[in-house]
N, C-alpha and C. Protein backbone atom coordinates (compact mmCIF):
# COMPACT_ATOMS: atom_id res chain seq x y z
N MET A 1 32.81 53.50 -79.44
CA MET A 1 32.97 52.80 -80.71
C MET A 1 31.80 51.82 -80.91
N GLN A 2 31.15 51.91 -82.08
CA GLN A 2 30.02 51.04 -82.37
C GLN A 2 30.50 49.67 -82.85
N LEU A 3 29.93 48.63 -82.28
CA LEU A 3 30.32 47.28 -82.64
C LEU A 3 29.64 46.85 -83.93
N THR A 4 30.41 46.25 -84.82
CA THR A 4 29.88 45.76 -86.08
C THR A 4 29.32 44.35 -85.89
N LYS A 5 28.65 43.85 -86.92
CA LYS A 5 28.10 42.50 -86.87
C LYS A 5 29.21 41.47 -86.68
N LYS A 6 30.36 41.73 -87.33
CA LYS A 6 31.50 40.83 -87.20
C LYS A 6 32.03 40.81 -85.78
N ASN A 7 32.06 42.00 -85.14
CA ASN A 7 32.52 42.08 -83.75
C ASN A 7 31.60 41.29 -82.82
N TRP A 8 30.30 41.39 -83.04
CA TRP A 8 29.34 40.67 -82.22
C TRP A 8 29.48 39.16 -82.39
N ILE A 9 29.73 38.73 -83.62
CA ILE A 9 29.90 37.30 -83.87
C ILE A 9 31.13 36.78 -83.12
N VAL A 10 32.22 37.54 -83.15
CA VAL A 10 33.45 37.16 -82.44
C VAL A 10 33.19 37.08 -80.95
N ILE A 11 32.47 38.08 -80.41
CA ILE A 11 32.16 38.11 -78.98
C ILE A 11 31.31 36.91 -78.59
N LEU A 12 30.29 36.60 -79.41
CA LEU A 12 29.42 35.46 -79.12
C LEU A 12 30.17 34.13 -79.19
N GLU A 13 31.06 34.00 -80.19
CA GLU A 13 31.86 32.78 -80.32
C GLU A 13 32.77 32.61 -79.12
N PHE A 14 33.41 33.70 -78.71
CA PHE A 14 34.31 33.66 -77.55
C PHE A 14 33.54 33.29 -76.28
N THR A 15 32.36 33.90 -76.10
CA THR A 15 31.53 33.61 -74.93
C THR A 15 31.11 32.14 -74.90
N ALA A 16 30.74 31.62 -76.07
CA ALA A 16 30.32 30.22 -76.18
C ALA A 16 31.46 29.28 -75.83
N ILE A 17 32.68 29.62 -76.27
CA ILE A 17 33.85 28.79 -75.98
C ILE A 17 34.14 28.78 -74.47
N ILE A 18 34.07 29.95 -73.84
CA ILE A 18 34.33 30.06 -72.40
C ILE A 18 33.30 29.24 -71.62
N ILE A 19 32.02 29.36 -72.00
CA ILE A 19 30.97 28.61 -71.30
C ILE A 19 31.17 27.11 -71.49
N ALA A 20 31.47 26.70 -72.73
CA ALA A 20 31.68 25.28 -73.01
C ALA A 20 32.86 24.72 -72.23
N LEU A 21 33.94 25.51 -72.15
CA LEU A 21 35.12 25.09 -71.40
C LEU A 21 34.81 24.95 -69.92
N TYR A 22 34.05 25.91 -69.39
CA TYR A 22 33.69 25.86 -67.97
C TYR A 22 32.83 24.62 -67.66
N VAL A 23 31.86 24.36 -68.53
CA VAL A 23 30.99 23.20 -68.34
C VAL A 23 31.81 21.91 -68.42
N LEU A 24 32.72 21.85 -69.40
CA LEU A 24 33.57 20.68 -69.56
C LEU A 24 34.39 20.42 -68.31
N LEU A 25 34.97 21.49 -67.76
CA LEU A 25 35.79 21.36 -66.56
C LEU A 25 34.94 21.02 -65.34
N LYS A 26 33.86 21.79 -65.15
CA LYS A 26 33.03 21.67 -63.95
C LYS A 26 32.31 20.32 -63.85
N ILE A 27 31.77 19.88 -64.97
CA ILE A 27 30.93 18.68 -64.94
C ILE A 27 31.70 17.39 -65.23
N PHE A 28 32.71 17.47 -66.10
CA PHE A 28 33.38 16.25 -66.53
C PHE A 28 34.81 16.11 -66.00
N LEU A 29 35.71 16.98 -66.45
CA LEU A 29 37.14 16.77 -66.18
C LEU A 29 37.51 16.85 -64.70
N VAL A 30 37.12 17.95 -64.05
CA VAL A 30 37.53 18.15 -62.65
C VAL A 30 37.02 17.03 -61.74
N PRO A 31 35.72 16.67 -61.79
CA PRO A 31 35.25 15.57 -60.93
C PRO A 31 35.99 14.26 -61.18
N VAL A 32 36.32 13.98 -62.44
CA VAL A 32 37.03 12.74 -62.76
C VAL A 32 38.45 12.77 -62.19
N ILE A 33 39.16 13.87 -62.43
CA ILE A 33 40.55 13.99 -61.98
C ILE A 33 40.66 13.92 -60.47
N LEU A 34 39.69 14.50 -59.77
CA LEU A 34 39.75 14.55 -58.30
C LEU A 34 39.12 13.33 -57.62
N SER A 35 38.56 12.42 -58.40
CA SER A 35 37.90 11.24 -57.82
C SER A 35 38.92 10.23 -57.29
N ASP A 36 38.54 9.50 -56.25
CA ASP A 36 39.41 8.49 -55.66
C ASP A 36 39.71 7.35 -56.65
N SER A 37 38.70 6.99 -57.44
CA SER A 37 38.88 5.90 -58.40
C SER A 37 39.93 6.25 -59.46
N PHE A 38 39.94 7.51 -59.87
CA PHE A 38 40.91 7.92 -60.88
C PHE A 38 42.31 7.96 -60.30
N LYS A 39 42.43 8.41 -59.06
CA LYS A 39 43.72 8.44 -58.39
C LYS A 39 44.27 7.02 -58.22
N THR A 40 43.37 6.08 -57.92
CA THR A 40 43.77 4.67 -57.80
C THR A 40 44.26 4.14 -59.14
N PHE A 41 43.56 4.50 -60.20
CA PHE A 41 43.94 4.09 -61.55
C PHE A 41 45.34 4.61 -61.90
N VAL A 42 45.60 5.87 -61.59
CA VAL A 42 46.91 6.48 -61.88
C VAL A 42 48.01 5.76 -61.10
N ALA A 43 47.72 5.45 -59.84
CA ALA A 43 48.71 4.76 -59.01
C ALA A 43 49.04 3.38 -59.60
N ASN A 44 48.03 2.71 -60.13
CA ASN A 44 48.25 1.39 -60.72
C ASN A 44 49.01 1.46 -62.03
N VAL A 45 48.79 2.53 -62.78
CA VAL A 45 49.49 2.70 -64.06
C VAL A 45 50.98 2.97 -63.83
N GLY A 46 51.28 3.70 -62.78
CA GLY A 46 52.68 3.99 -62.45
C GLY A 46 53.35 4.92 -63.45
N VAL A 47 54.58 4.58 -63.82
CA VAL A 47 55.37 5.41 -64.74
C VAL A 47 54.70 5.50 -66.11
N GLY A 48 53.89 4.50 -66.46
CA GLY A 48 53.20 4.53 -67.74
C GLY A 48 52.32 5.75 -67.90
N GLY A 49 51.88 6.31 -66.76
CA GLY A 49 51.07 7.52 -66.81
C GLY A 49 51.83 8.70 -67.38
N TYR A 50 53.15 8.74 -67.15
CA TYR A 50 53.97 9.80 -67.72
C TYR A 50 53.86 9.81 -69.24
N PHE A 51 53.93 8.62 -69.82
CA PHE A 51 53.90 8.51 -71.28
C PHE A 51 52.51 8.82 -71.83
N ILE A 52 51.48 8.55 -71.03
CA ILE A 52 50.12 8.90 -71.45
C ILE A 52 49.98 10.41 -71.55
N VAL A 53 50.45 11.11 -70.52
CA VAL A 53 50.38 12.58 -70.50
C VAL A 53 51.19 13.18 -71.65
N MET A 54 52.43 12.71 -71.80
CA MET A 54 53.28 13.25 -72.86
C MET A 54 52.74 12.91 -74.25
N GLY A 55 52.27 11.66 -74.40
CA GLY A 55 51.74 11.23 -75.69
C GLY A 55 50.54 12.04 -76.10
N TYR A 56 49.63 12.26 -75.16
CA TYR A 56 48.43 13.06 -75.48
C TYR A 56 48.81 14.49 -75.82
N THR A 57 49.76 15.05 -75.06
CA THR A 57 50.18 16.43 -75.31
C THR A 57 50.78 16.57 -76.71
N VAL A 58 51.63 15.62 -77.09
CA VAL A 58 52.24 15.67 -78.44
C VAL A 58 51.17 15.59 -79.51
N LEU A 59 50.23 14.67 -79.35
CA LEU A 59 49.15 14.52 -80.34
C LEU A 59 48.29 15.77 -80.43
N SER A 60 48.02 16.41 -79.29
CA SER A 60 47.20 17.63 -79.30
C SER A 60 47.93 18.79 -79.96
N HIS A 61 49.26 18.76 -79.97
CA HIS A 61 50.03 19.79 -80.66
C HIS A 61 50.09 19.54 -82.17
N ILE A 62 50.17 18.28 -82.55
CA ILE A 62 50.22 17.95 -83.98
C ILE A 62 48.85 18.10 -84.62
N PHE A 63 47.83 17.54 -83.97
CA PHE A 63 46.45 17.68 -84.45
C PHE A 63 45.80 18.78 -83.63
N ALA A 64 46.03 20.02 -84.06
CA ALA A 64 45.64 21.19 -83.26
C ALA A 64 44.17 21.25 -82.87
N PRO A 65 43.21 20.73 -83.66
CA PRO A 65 41.82 20.77 -83.20
C PRO A 65 41.60 19.97 -81.91
N LEU A 66 42.50 19.04 -81.62
CA LEU A 66 42.42 18.25 -80.39
C LEU A 66 42.90 19.12 -79.23
N SER A 67 42.04 19.35 -78.26
CA SER A 67 42.37 20.23 -77.15
C SER A 67 43.50 19.66 -76.29
N GLY A 68 44.45 20.53 -75.95
CA GLY A 68 45.56 20.10 -75.10
C GLY A 68 45.25 20.27 -73.62
N THR A 69 44.08 20.86 -73.31
CA THR A 69 43.72 21.13 -71.92
C THR A 69 43.71 19.88 -71.04
N PRO A 70 43.10 18.75 -71.49
CA PRO A 70 43.12 17.55 -70.64
C PRO A 70 44.53 17.08 -70.31
N GLY A 71 45.45 17.14 -71.28
CA GLY A 71 46.82 16.73 -71.04
C GLY A 71 47.51 17.59 -70.00
N VAL A 72 47.29 18.90 -70.11
CA VAL A 72 47.88 19.85 -69.15
C VAL A 72 47.32 19.60 -67.75
N LEU A 73 46.00 19.44 -67.69
CA LEU A 73 45.36 19.20 -66.39
C LEU A 73 45.83 17.91 -65.75
N LEU A 74 45.92 16.86 -66.55
CA LEU A 74 46.39 15.58 -66.02
C LEU A 74 47.82 15.71 -65.49
N GLY A 75 48.65 16.41 -66.27
CA GLY A 75 50.06 16.55 -65.88
C GLY A 75 50.24 17.21 -64.53
N VAL A 76 49.54 18.34 -64.33
CA VAL A 76 49.75 19.10 -63.10
C VAL A 76 48.87 18.63 -61.95
N ALA A 77 47.65 18.16 -62.25
CA ALA A 77 46.74 17.74 -61.18
C ALA A 77 47.14 16.40 -60.58
N ILE A 78 47.64 15.50 -61.41
CA ILE A 78 47.97 14.16 -60.92
C ILE A 78 49.39 14.10 -60.36
N TYR A 79 50.33 14.68 -61.09
CA TYR A 79 51.74 14.54 -60.70
C TYR A 79 52.33 15.77 -60.01
N GLY A 80 51.53 16.83 -59.85
CA GLY A 80 52.04 18.03 -59.21
C GLY A 80 52.66 18.96 -60.23
N ILE A 81 52.85 20.20 -59.84
CA ILE A 81 53.31 21.21 -60.78
C ILE A 81 54.74 20.95 -61.26
N ARG A 82 55.63 20.45 -60.39
CA ARG A 82 57.02 20.23 -60.80
C ARG A 82 57.14 19.11 -61.84
N THR A 83 56.63 17.93 -61.49
CA THR A 83 56.69 16.80 -62.43
C THR A 83 55.85 17.09 -63.67
N GLY A 84 54.70 17.74 -63.46
CA GLY A 84 53.84 18.08 -64.59
C GLY A 84 54.53 18.97 -65.59
N MET A 85 55.25 19.98 -65.11
CA MET A 85 55.96 20.89 -66.01
C MET A 85 57.09 20.18 -66.76
N ILE A 86 57.75 19.24 -66.08
CA ILE A 86 58.81 18.47 -66.74
C ILE A 86 58.23 17.63 -67.88
N LEU A 87 57.11 16.96 -67.62
CA LEU A 87 56.47 16.13 -68.64
C LEU A 87 56.00 16.98 -69.82
N LEU A 88 55.40 18.12 -69.52
CA LEU A 88 54.90 19.00 -70.58
C LEU A 88 56.05 19.62 -71.37
N TYR A 89 57.16 19.89 -70.70
CA TYR A 89 58.34 20.45 -71.38
C TYR A 89 58.91 19.45 -72.38
N VAL A 90 59.09 18.22 -71.94
CA VAL A 90 59.61 17.17 -72.83
C VAL A 90 58.67 16.95 -74.00
N ALA A 91 57.37 16.90 -73.72
CA ALA A 91 56.37 16.70 -74.77
C ALA A 91 56.38 17.84 -75.78
N SER A 92 56.55 19.06 -75.28
CA SER A 92 56.56 20.23 -76.18
C SER A 92 57.76 20.21 -77.11
N LEU A 93 58.91 19.72 -76.63
CA LEU A 93 60.10 19.63 -77.49
C LEU A 93 59.90 18.59 -78.59
N ILE A 94 59.25 17.47 -78.21
CA ILE A 94 58.98 16.42 -79.20
C ILE A 94 58.05 16.95 -80.28
N SER A 95 56.97 17.62 -79.85
CA SER A 95 56.01 18.15 -80.82
C SER A 95 56.61 19.28 -81.65
N ALA A 96 57.53 20.04 -81.06
CA ALA A 96 58.18 21.13 -81.79
C ALA A 96 58.97 20.58 -82.98
N ILE A 97 59.64 19.46 -82.77
CA ILE A 97 60.39 18.81 -83.86
C ILE A 97 59.42 18.30 -84.93
N ALA A 98 58.37 17.60 -84.48
CA ALA A 98 57.40 17.01 -85.41
C ALA A 98 56.70 18.08 -86.24
N ASN A 99 56.21 19.13 -85.59
CA ASN A 99 55.47 20.17 -86.31
C ASN A 99 56.34 20.91 -87.30
N PHE A 100 57.57 21.20 -86.90
CA PHE A 100 58.48 21.92 -87.79
C PHE A 100 58.75 21.11 -89.05
N TYR A 101 59.06 19.84 -88.88
CA TYR A 101 59.39 19.01 -90.04
C TYR A 101 58.17 18.72 -90.92
N ILE A 102 57.01 18.62 -90.33
CA ILE A 102 55.79 18.42 -91.12
C ILE A 102 55.55 19.61 -92.04
N SER A 103 55.62 20.81 -91.47
CA SER A 103 55.38 22.00 -92.29
C SER A 103 56.52 22.28 -93.26
N ARG A 104 57.75 21.98 -92.86
CA ARG A 104 58.91 22.23 -93.72
C ARG A 104 58.92 21.27 -94.91
N LYS A 105 58.56 20.00 -94.66
CA LYS A 105 58.63 19.00 -95.72
C LYS A 105 57.37 18.96 -96.58
N TYR A 106 56.19 19.09 -95.96
CA TYR A 106 54.95 18.90 -96.71
C TYR A 106 54.21 20.20 -97.03
N GLY A 107 54.60 21.29 -96.38
CA GLY A 107 54.03 22.58 -96.73
C GLY A 107 52.68 22.91 -96.12
N ARG A 108 52.16 24.02 -96.56
CA ARG A 108 50.95 24.61 -95.98
C ARG A 108 49.72 23.72 -96.15
N LYS A 109 49.63 22.99 -97.25
CA LYS A 109 48.44 22.19 -97.53
C LYS A 109 48.22 21.13 -96.46
N ILE A 110 49.28 20.41 -96.09
CA ILE A 110 49.17 19.37 -95.06
C ILE A 110 48.91 19.98 -93.70
N VAL A 111 49.57 21.10 -93.40
CA VAL A 111 49.37 21.77 -92.11
C VAL A 111 47.91 22.18 -91.95
N THR A 112 47.31 22.68 -93.03
CA THR A 112 45.90 23.09 -92.99
C THR A 112 45.00 21.91 -92.63
N LYS A 113 45.31 20.74 -93.17
CA LYS A 113 44.52 19.54 -92.87
C LYS A 113 44.67 19.13 -91.41
N LEU A 114 45.84 19.37 -90.84
CA LEU A 114 46.10 18.96 -89.46
C LEU A 114 45.50 19.92 -88.44
N VAL A 115 45.51 21.21 -88.75
CA VAL A 115 45.04 22.20 -87.78
C VAL A 115 43.64 22.73 -88.08
N GLY A 116 43.19 22.57 -89.33
CA GLY A 116 41.89 23.10 -89.71
C GLY A 116 42.01 24.47 -90.38
N GLU A 117 41.03 24.81 -91.19
CA GLU A 117 41.04 26.07 -91.94
C GLU A 117 41.10 27.28 -91.01
N LYS A 118 40.30 27.25 -89.95
CA LYS A 118 40.23 28.41 -89.05
C LYS A 118 41.54 28.63 -88.31
N ALA A 119 42.10 27.54 -87.80
CA ALA A 119 43.36 27.66 -87.06
C ALA A 119 44.51 28.05 -87.98
N MET A 120 44.38 27.73 -89.27
CA MET A 120 45.43 28.06 -90.22
C MET A 120 45.63 29.57 -90.34
N ILE A 121 44.58 30.31 -90.03
CA ILE A 121 44.69 31.78 -90.04
C ILE A 121 45.72 32.22 -89.01
N GLU A 122 45.69 31.56 -87.83
CA GLU A 122 46.66 31.86 -86.78
C GLU A 122 48.07 31.50 -87.21
N VAL A 123 48.21 30.35 -87.86
CA VAL A 123 49.53 29.93 -88.36
C VAL A 123 50.05 30.95 -89.36
N ASP A 124 49.20 31.39 -90.26
CA ASP A 124 49.61 32.39 -91.27
C ASP A 124 50.03 33.70 -90.60
N ASN A 125 49.35 34.07 -89.53
CA ASN A 125 49.73 35.29 -88.80
C ASN A 125 51.13 35.15 -88.22
N PHE A 126 51.44 33.96 -87.70
CA PHE A 126 52.75 33.74 -87.09
C PHE A 126 53.87 33.71 -88.14
N THR A 127 53.55 33.31 -89.38
CA THR A 127 54.59 33.26 -90.41
C THR A 127 55.08 34.66 -90.77
N SER A 128 54.28 35.67 -90.45
CA SER A 128 54.70 37.05 -90.74
C SER A 128 55.73 37.54 -89.72
N ILE A 129 55.88 36.78 -88.63
CA ILE A 129 56.86 37.14 -87.59
C ILE A 129 58.12 36.32 -87.83
N GLN A 130 59.00 36.82 -88.66
CA GLN A 130 60.18 36.06 -89.03
C GLN A 130 61.44 36.59 -88.35
N GLY A 131 62.42 35.73 -88.22
CA GLY A 131 63.67 36.11 -87.58
C GLY A 131 63.82 35.49 -86.21
N GLU A 132 65.06 35.34 -85.78
CA GLU A 132 65.32 34.67 -84.51
C GLU A 132 64.81 35.47 -83.32
N LYS A 133 64.97 36.79 -83.35
CA LYS A 133 64.50 37.61 -82.24
C LYS A 133 62.98 37.55 -82.13
N ALA A 134 62.32 37.55 -83.28
CA ALA A 134 60.86 37.47 -83.28
C ALA A 134 60.40 36.13 -82.75
N LEU A 135 61.11 35.06 -83.10
CA LEU A 135 60.75 33.73 -82.61
C LEU A 135 60.93 33.64 -81.10
N ILE A 136 61.99 34.24 -80.58
CA ILE A 136 62.21 34.25 -79.14
C ILE A 136 61.03 34.92 -78.42
N GLY A 137 60.63 36.08 -78.93
CA GLY A 137 59.51 36.79 -78.34
C GLY A 137 58.21 36.00 -78.42
N ALA A 138 57.99 35.37 -79.58
CA ALA A 138 56.77 34.59 -79.78
C ALA A 138 56.73 33.37 -78.86
N ARG A 139 57.87 32.72 -78.68
CA ARG A 139 57.93 31.54 -77.81
C ARG A 139 57.68 31.91 -76.35
N ILE A 140 58.23 33.02 -75.91
CA ILE A 140 58.09 33.40 -74.50
C ILE A 140 56.68 33.93 -74.22
N LEU A 141 56.18 34.79 -75.09
CA LEU A 141 54.87 35.39 -74.86
C LEU A 141 53.73 34.51 -75.33
N GLY A 142 54.00 33.68 -76.34
CA GLY A 142 52.93 32.89 -76.92
C GLY A 142 53.01 31.41 -76.64
N PHE A 143 53.40 31.05 -75.41
CA PHE A 143 53.52 29.62 -75.09
C PHE A 143 52.19 28.89 -75.21
N SER A 144 51.08 29.64 -75.09
CA SER A 144 49.76 29.01 -75.22
C SER A 144 49.42 28.69 -76.67
N ALA A 145 50.20 29.27 -77.62
CA ALA A 145 50.00 28.99 -79.05
C ALA A 145 51.21 28.22 -79.59
N PHE A 146 51.77 27.38 -78.74
CA PHE A 146 53.02 26.69 -79.04
C PHE A 146 52.99 25.95 -80.37
N GLU A 147 51.93 25.16 -80.62
CA GLU A 147 51.88 24.32 -81.82
C GLU A 147 51.78 25.15 -83.09
N PHE A 148 51.05 26.27 -83.04
CA PHE A 148 50.91 27.11 -84.22
C PHE A 148 52.23 27.78 -84.59
N ILE A 149 52.97 28.20 -83.55
CA ILE A 149 54.28 28.81 -83.79
C ILE A 149 55.24 27.80 -84.40
N SER A 150 55.17 26.55 -83.94
CA SER A 150 56.03 25.49 -84.47
C SER A 150 55.76 25.25 -85.95
N TYR A 151 54.48 25.16 -86.29
CA TYR A 151 54.11 24.98 -87.70
C TYR A 151 54.55 26.18 -88.54
N ALA A 152 54.31 27.37 -88.01
CA ALA A 152 54.64 28.59 -88.74
C ALA A 152 56.14 28.68 -89.02
N ALA A 153 56.95 28.30 -88.02
CA ALA A 153 58.41 28.38 -88.18
C ALA A 153 58.88 27.50 -89.33
N GLY A 154 58.25 26.34 -89.50
CA GLY A 154 58.62 25.44 -90.59
C GLY A 154 58.31 26.00 -91.95
N LEU A 155 57.39 26.98 -92.01
CA LEU A 155 57.02 27.59 -93.27
C LEU A 155 57.87 28.82 -93.60
N THR A 156 58.78 29.17 -92.69
CA THR A 156 59.70 30.29 -92.94
C THR A 156 61.07 29.72 -93.30
N ASN A 157 62.05 30.62 -93.46
CA ASN A 157 63.39 30.18 -93.88
C ASN A 157 64.36 30.00 -92.71
N ILE A 158 63.85 30.01 -91.48
CA ILE A 158 64.75 29.82 -90.33
C ILE A 158 65.32 28.40 -90.34
N SER A 159 66.57 28.25 -89.93
CA SER A 159 67.19 26.93 -89.90
C SER A 159 66.65 26.14 -88.70
N PHE A 160 66.63 24.81 -88.84
CA PHE A 160 66.13 23.98 -87.74
C PHE A 160 67.01 24.14 -86.50
N LYS A 161 68.32 24.26 -86.70
CA LYS A 161 69.24 24.39 -85.57
C LYS A 161 68.89 25.61 -84.72
N SER A 162 68.70 26.76 -85.37
CA SER A 162 68.36 27.98 -84.64
C SER A 162 66.99 27.86 -84.00
N TYR A 163 66.06 27.33 -84.76
CA TYR A 163 64.69 27.17 -84.28
C TYR A 163 64.64 26.29 -83.03
N PHE A 164 65.31 25.16 -83.08
CA PHE A 164 65.22 24.22 -81.96
C PHE A 164 65.98 24.71 -80.74
N LEU A 165 67.11 25.36 -80.96
CA LEU A 165 67.87 25.92 -79.83
C LEU A 165 67.04 26.97 -79.11
N ILE A 166 66.39 27.83 -79.88
CA ILE A 166 65.53 28.86 -79.29
C ILE A 166 64.37 28.22 -78.55
N THR A 167 63.80 27.17 -79.14
CA THR A 167 62.67 26.48 -78.51
C THR A 167 63.08 25.81 -77.20
N ILE A 168 64.24 25.17 -77.17
CA ILE A 168 64.73 24.52 -75.95
C ILE A 168 64.85 25.53 -74.81
N VAL A 169 65.48 26.66 -75.10
CA VAL A 169 65.76 27.66 -74.06
C VAL A 169 64.48 28.38 -73.62
N THR A 170 63.72 28.89 -74.60
CA THR A 170 62.54 29.67 -74.25
C THR A 170 61.45 28.81 -73.59
N SER A 171 61.32 27.57 -74.05
CA SER A 171 60.31 26.69 -73.44
C SER A 171 60.70 26.34 -72.02
N PHE A 172 61.99 26.19 -71.77
CA PHE A 172 62.44 25.95 -70.40
C PHE A 172 62.08 27.14 -69.51
N ILE A 173 62.30 28.34 -70.04
CA ILE A 173 62.01 29.55 -69.28
C ILE A 173 60.52 29.63 -68.93
N THR A 174 59.65 29.40 -69.92
CA THR A 174 58.20 29.52 -69.67
C THR A 174 57.70 28.44 -68.71
N HIS A 175 58.22 27.23 -68.86
CA HIS A 175 57.78 26.15 -67.96
C HIS A 175 58.32 26.36 -66.54
N PHE A 176 59.54 26.88 -66.45
CA PHE A 176 60.12 27.13 -65.13
C PHE A 176 59.38 28.28 -64.43
N LEU A 177 59.04 29.32 -65.19
CA LEU A 177 58.29 30.44 -64.61
C LEU A 177 56.90 29.99 -64.18
N SER A 178 56.29 29.09 -64.96
CA SER A 178 54.98 28.55 -64.58
C SER A 178 55.09 27.78 -63.27
N TYR A 179 56.19 27.03 -63.12
CA TYR A 179 56.42 26.28 -61.89
C TYR A 179 56.55 27.23 -60.70
N LEU A 180 57.33 28.29 -60.86
CA LEU A 180 57.52 29.24 -59.78
C LEU A 180 56.22 29.95 -59.42
N LEU A 181 55.45 30.30 -60.45
CA LEU A 181 54.21 31.05 -60.24
C LEU A 181 53.13 30.22 -59.55
N PHE A 182 53.10 28.92 -59.88
CA PHE A 182 52.03 28.08 -59.36
C PHE A 182 52.51 26.99 -58.40
N SER A 183 53.72 27.12 -57.91
CA SER A 183 54.29 26.08 -57.03
C SER A 183 53.50 25.93 -55.72
N LYS A 184 52.82 26.97 -55.28
CA LYS A 184 52.05 26.92 -54.04
C LYS A 184 50.57 26.62 -54.28
N MET A 185 50.22 26.46 -55.55
CA MET A 185 48.81 26.23 -55.88
C MET A 185 48.40 24.79 -55.57
N ASP A 186 47.20 24.63 -55.04
CA ASP A 186 46.68 23.30 -54.72
C ASP A 186 45.93 22.76 -55.95
N PHE A 187 46.57 21.89 -56.71
CA PHE A 187 45.94 21.34 -57.91
C PHE A 187 45.07 20.12 -57.61
N GLN A 188 44.92 19.83 -56.32
CA GLN A 188 44.00 18.79 -55.92
C GLN A 188 42.65 19.39 -55.51
N SER A 189 42.48 20.68 -55.81
CA SER A 189 41.22 21.36 -55.51
C SER A 189 40.63 21.91 -56.81
N GLU A 190 39.33 22.07 -56.83
CA GLU A 190 38.65 22.61 -58.02
C GLU A 190 39.10 24.04 -58.28
N MET A 191 39.25 24.83 -57.22
CA MET A 191 39.67 26.22 -57.37
C MET A 191 41.05 26.32 -58.02
N GLY A 192 41.98 25.48 -57.58
CA GLY A 192 43.33 25.51 -58.13
C GLY A 192 43.33 25.20 -59.62
N ILE A 193 42.56 24.20 -60.02
CA ILE A 193 42.49 23.82 -61.43
C ILE A 193 41.86 24.94 -62.25
N MET A 194 40.80 25.55 -61.74
CA MET A 194 40.11 26.62 -62.46
C MET A 194 41.03 27.84 -62.65
N ILE A 195 41.79 28.17 -61.63
CA ILE A 195 42.72 29.30 -61.73
C ILE A 195 43.78 29.02 -62.79
N TRP A 196 44.29 27.80 -62.81
CA TRP A 196 45.30 27.40 -63.78
C TRP A 196 44.76 27.53 -65.20
N VAL A 197 43.57 26.99 -65.43
CA VAL A 197 42.96 27.05 -66.77
C VAL A 197 42.66 28.50 -67.15
N GLY A 198 42.18 29.29 -66.19
CA GLY A 198 41.90 30.70 -66.44
C GLY A 198 43.14 31.45 -66.87
N PHE A 199 44.26 31.12 -66.23
CA PHE A 199 45.53 31.76 -66.59
C PHE A 199 45.92 31.41 -68.02
N MET A 200 45.79 30.12 -68.39
CA MET A 200 46.15 29.67 -69.73
C MET A 200 45.27 30.33 -70.79
N VAL A 201 43.98 30.40 -70.52
CA VAL A 201 43.05 31.01 -71.47
C VAL A 201 43.33 32.50 -71.60
N GLY A 202 43.56 33.16 -70.46
CA GLY A 202 43.83 34.60 -70.47
C GLY A 202 45.08 34.97 -71.25
N THR A 203 46.16 34.22 -71.03
CA THR A 203 47.40 34.51 -71.76
C THR A 203 47.24 34.22 -73.25
N SER A 204 46.45 33.21 -73.57
CA SER A 204 46.20 32.88 -74.98
C SER A 204 45.48 34.01 -75.69
N ILE A 205 44.46 34.56 -75.03
CA ILE A 205 43.70 35.67 -75.60
C ILE A 205 44.58 36.91 -75.76
N LEU A 206 45.36 37.22 -74.74
CA LEU A 206 46.23 38.40 -74.77
C LEU A 206 47.24 38.30 -75.90
N PHE A 207 47.88 37.14 -76.04
CA PHE A 207 48.87 36.98 -77.10
C PHE A 207 48.21 37.04 -78.47
N GLY A 208 47.02 36.47 -78.59
CA GLY A 208 46.30 36.53 -79.86
C GLY A 208 46.02 37.96 -80.28
N LEU A 209 45.63 38.79 -79.31
CA LEU A 209 45.36 40.20 -79.60
C LEU A 209 46.64 40.94 -80.01
N LEU A 210 47.75 40.61 -79.35
CA LEU A 210 49.03 41.25 -79.69
C LEU A 210 49.46 40.89 -81.10
N ILE A 211 49.28 39.62 -81.47
CA ILE A 211 49.65 39.18 -82.82
C ILE A 211 48.80 39.86 -83.88
N LYS A 212 47.51 39.94 -83.63
CA LYS A 212 46.63 40.59 -84.60
C LYS A 212 46.98 42.06 -84.77
N ALA A 213 47.31 42.72 -83.66
CA ALA A 213 47.70 44.13 -83.73
C ALA A 213 49.00 44.30 -84.50
N TYR A 214 49.94 43.35 -84.29
CA TYR A 214 51.23 43.40 -84.99
C TYR A 214 51.05 43.19 -86.50
N VAL A 215 50.23 42.20 -86.86
CA VAL A 215 49.99 41.92 -88.28
C VAL A 215 49.27 43.08 -88.95
N LYS A 216 48.29 43.67 -88.26
CA LYS A 216 47.55 44.80 -88.80
C LYS A 216 48.46 46.00 -89.02
N LYS A 217 49.40 46.19 -88.10
CA LYS A 217 50.32 47.32 -88.20
C LYS A 217 51.27 47.18 -89.37
N ARG A 218 51.62 45.93 -89.71
CA ARG A 218 52.56 45.69 -90.81
C ARG A 218 51.91 45.81 -92.18
N LYS A 219 50.58 45.68 -92.22
CA LYS A 219 49.88 45.76 -93.50
C LYS A 219 49.82 47.18 -94.03
C-alpha cells in the first residue's frame, strides 16, 4: 500500500511526539523524580503530596492539552503502584464528574476551548459510541483517553447516574488490573518508569486506532 502525503504527516507527527516524550522523560522528569532532593521534598510534604498528585491529575483531565504523564509518574514513582493507583482512581472519579457536567451544561463550544480543536476530533469520535454497553467497553479499553470519553458522554443522552456507576466500576477494574500487572515493577528505576510510560502510550495508540476503525465502519 502506497503512503499518501497525509499518512506521512501523521507518521512524522507521531514520531516527533515519541521523541519529545522520551527526551522529556530521560532528561527532565526521571532524573528529578529519582533524585534524593526530590525524595526529601516529598517526605517533608507528607500527606499534602497526595493532594498535589490528585489535583494535578484532575486539572490535566479537565484541561486536556495539559499532559497527565507527570501526575501519573509522580503517583506511582513516589508512592508506589498501590497507593499511586488509589490516588489516580480517586482523581479520575473527580474529573469524570467535572468533565461530564461541563460538557452537559455548557456544550461543545466550551469543551473545544478546554481540550483544543485537534483533541475535539477525538471527543467527537467518542460521541458516536453511544449506549451503556459501548461506554463500558470504551472505559475498559480506552482508559488512556479517560478525559475525552468523559466529555463525550456529557454530549450524549446517557443519564449521569448510569454514566457515573459505569465509570466507578470500570475505572476500578482498570486501575486494579494495572496494579496487578505492575505490582512487581521497580518504579524507583529508570527502566521501570520507561516501561510504564511505554505501556500507557501503546494502549493509547491501540485504542485510538480501534476507535477510528469503528467510526469509519459506521460511516
